[in-house]
Amino acid sequence: MPAQSHFDFDKIIEYLIDYKAKHDGTMPPLRDFLSDFGVGRQHVNHYILPGLVARGYIRIGAKGNTWHGVEIVGGRWLKPTDA
């Protein structure tokens, strides 16, 4: 397993933000993320999510410690009239 320092967390958060911006705030399918970054599911749970949390990029929301529970720190929803 690669050490946490082998992940480019800036690239990962950019990927997540871009995807969420294009898809109404939803997370990309986990299988797509795994394929795009060439990592296994265990890397997401043990290295990537904790690394993003530690850097203050994300928090794990109400859905718990799952891929779909990820919230981007500073992300917000706007009504169409506020955009």
C-alpha atoms as a PDB file:
ATOM      1  CA  MET A   1       0.000   0.000   0.000  1.00  0.00           C
ATOM      2  CA  PRO A   2       1.357   3.430  -0.849  1.00  0.00           C
ATOM      3  CA  ALA A   3       2.075   5.767   2.005  1.00  0.00           C
ATOM      4  CA  GLN A   4      -0.244   8.727   2.427  1.00  0.00           C
ATOM      5  CA  SER A   5       2.477  11.050   1.108  1.00  0.00           C
ATOM      6  CA  HIS A   6       2.308   9.364  -2.317  1.00  0.00           C
ATOM      7  CA  PHE A   7      -1.099  10.841  -3.052  1.00  0.00           C
ATOM      8  CA  ASP A   8      -1.458  14.227  -4.739  1.00  0.00           C
ATOM      9  CA  PHE A   9      -4.186  15.610  -2.472  1.00  0.00           C
ATOM     10  CA  ASP A  10      -4.374  18.893  -4.403  1.00  0.00           C
ATOM     11  CA  LYS A  11      -5.109  16.976  -7.608  1.00  0.00           C
ATOM     12  CA  ILE A  12      -7.665  14.803  -5.813  1.00  0.00           C
ATOM     13  CA  ILE A  13      -9.578  17.743  -4.304  1.00  0.00           C
ATOM     14  CA  GLU A  14      -9.543  19.538  -7.668  1.00  0.00           C
ATOM     15  CA  TYR A  15     -10.999  16.408  -9.283  1.00  0.00           C
ATOM     16  CA  LEU A  16     -13.736  16.175  -6.636  1.00  0.00           C
ATOM     17  CA  ILE A  17     -14.636  19.869  -6.831  1.00  0.00           C
ATOM     18  CA  ASP A  18     -14.778  19.790 -10.633  1.00  0.00           C
ATOM     19  CA  TYR A  19     -16.996  16.719 -10.604  1.00  0.00           C
ATOM     20  CA  LYS A  20     -19.319  18.087  -7.922  1.00  0.00           C
ATOM     21  CA  ALA A  21     -19.625  21.413  -9.763  1.00  0.00           C
ATOM     22  CA  LYS A  22     -20.714  19.621 -12.937  1.00  0.00           C
ATOM     23  CA  HIS A  23     -23.044  17.113 -11.257  1.00  0.00           C
ATOM     24  CA  ASP A  24     -25.196  19.072  -8.814  1.00  0.00           C
ATOM     25  CA  GLY A  25     -22.912  18.467  -5.839  1.00  0.00           C
ATOM     26  CA  THR A  26     -22.847  14.681  -6.026  1.00  0.00           C
ATOM     27  CA  MET A  27     -19.680  12.660  -5.602  1.00  0.00           C
ATOM     28  CA  PRO A  28     -18.299  10.801  -8.599  1.00  0.00           C
ATOM     29  CA  PRO A  29     -19.002   7.081  -8.687  1.00  0.00           C
ATOM     30  CA  LEU A  30     -16.360   5.426  -6.531  1.00  0.00           C
ATOM     31  CA  ARG A  31     -15.456   2.988  -9.318  1.00  0.00           C
ATOM     32  CA  ASP A  32     -14.692   5.958 -11.617  1.00  0.00           C
ATOM     33  CA  PHE A  33     -12.489   7.594  -8.982  1.00  0.00           C
ATOM     34  CA  LEU A  34     -10.650   4.330  -8.334  1.00  0.00           C
ATOM     35  CA  SER A  35     -10.049   3.878 -12.052  1.00  0.00           C
ATOM     36  CA  ASP A  36      -9.025   7.502 -12.696  1.00  0.00           C
ATOM     37  CA  PHE A  37      -6.491   7.499  -9.849  1.00  0.00           C
ATOM     38  CA  GLY A  38      -5.406   3.863 -10.103  1.00  0.00           C
ATOM     39  CA  VAL A  39      -6.061   3.103  -6.438  1.00  0.00           C
ATOM     40  CA  GLY A  40      -7.996   0.469  -4.521  1.00  0.00           C
ATOM     41  CA  ARG A  41     -11.005   0.992  -2.290  1.00  0.00           C
ATOM     42  CA  GLN A  42      -8.875   0.476   0.830  1.00  0.00           C
ATOM     43  CA  HIS A  43      -6.703   3.444  -0.199  1.00  0.00           C
ATOM     44  CA  VAL A  44      -9.767   5.684  -0.180  1.00  0.00           C
ATOM     45  CA  ASN A  45     -10.825   4.685   3.333  1.00  0.00           C
ATOM     46  CA  HIS A  46      -7.397   4.438   4.948  1.00  0.00           C
ATOM     47  CA  TYR A  47      -5.348   7.127   3.187  1.00  0.00           C
ATOM     48  CA  ILE A  48      -7.198   9.442   0.838  1.00  0.00           C
ATOM     49  CA  LEU A  49     -10.239  10.490   2.888  1.00  0.00           C
ATOM     50  CA  PRO A  50      -8.253  10.862   6.135  1.00  0.00           C
ATOM     51  CA  GLY A  51      -5.565  12.798   4.254  1.00  0.00           C
ATOM     52  CA  LEU A  52      -8.118  15.202   2.777  1.00  0.00           C
ATOM     53  CA  VAL A  53      -9.729  15.668   6.205  1.00  0.00           C
ATOM     54  CA  ALA A  54      -6.339  16.316   7.837  1.00  0.00           C
ATOM     55  CA  ARG A  55      -5.585  19.016   5.255  1.00  0.00           C
ATOM     56  CA  GLY A  56      -8.946  20.683   5.879  1.00  0.00           C
ATOM     57  CA  TYR A  57     -10.188  20.043   2.324  1.00  0.00           C
ATOM     58  CA  ILE A  58     -13.187  17.910   3.266  1.00  0.00           C
ATOM     59  CA  ARG A  59     -15.266  16.749   6.181  1.00  0.00           C
ATOM     60  CA  ILE A  60     -17.313  13.614   6.483  1.00  0.00           C
ATOM     61  CA  GLY A  61     -20.967  14.605   6.701  1.00  0.00           C
ATOM     62  CA  ALA A  62     -24.135  13.104   8.068  1.00  0.00           C
ATOM     63  CA  LYS A  63     -23.900   9.965   5.921  1.00  0.00           C
ATOM     64  CA  GLY A  64     -20.926   8.849   7.978  1.00  0.00           C
ATOM     65  CA  ASN A  65     -17.526   7.635   6.923  1.00  0.00           C
ATOM     66  CA  THR A  66     -18.541   6.746   3.394  1.00  0.00           C
ATOM     67  CA  TRP A  67     -17.635   8.017  -0.039  1.00  0.00           C
ATOM     68  CA  HIS A  68     -21.030   9.696  -0.418  1.00  0.00           C
ATOM     69  CA  GLY A  69     -20.723  11.379   2.978  1.00  0.00           C
ATOM     70  CA  VAL A  70     -17.922  13.673   1.769  1.00  0.00           C
ATOM     71  CA  GLU A  71     -18.527  17.415   2.022  1.00  0.00           C
ATOM     72  CA  ILE A  72     -16.133  19.928   0.487  1.00  0.00           C
ATOM     73  CA  VAL A  73     -15.108  22.499   3.099  1.00  0.00           C
ATOM     74  CA  GLY A  74     -16.404  25.887   1.979  1.00  0.00           C
ATOM     75  CA  GLY A  75     -18.770  24.332  -0.561  1.00  0.00           C
ATOM     76  CA  ARG A  76     -22.279  25.734  -0.587  1.00  0.00           C
ATOM     77  CA  TRP A  77     -25.493  25.479  -2.512  1.00  0.00           C
ATOM     78  CA  LEU A  78     -27.054  28.506  -4.139  1.00  0.00           C
ATOM     79  CA  LYS A  79     -30.606  28.942  -5.333  1.00  0.00           C
ATOM     80  CA  PRO A  80     -30.679  29.600  -9.081  1.00  0.00           C
ATOM     81  CA  THR A  81     -31.756  33.183  -8.323  1.00  0.00           C
ATOM     82  CA  ASP A  82     -28.640  33.709  -6.131  1.00  0.00           C
ATOM     83  CA  ALA A  83     -26.085  32.354  -8.607  1.00  0.00           C
END
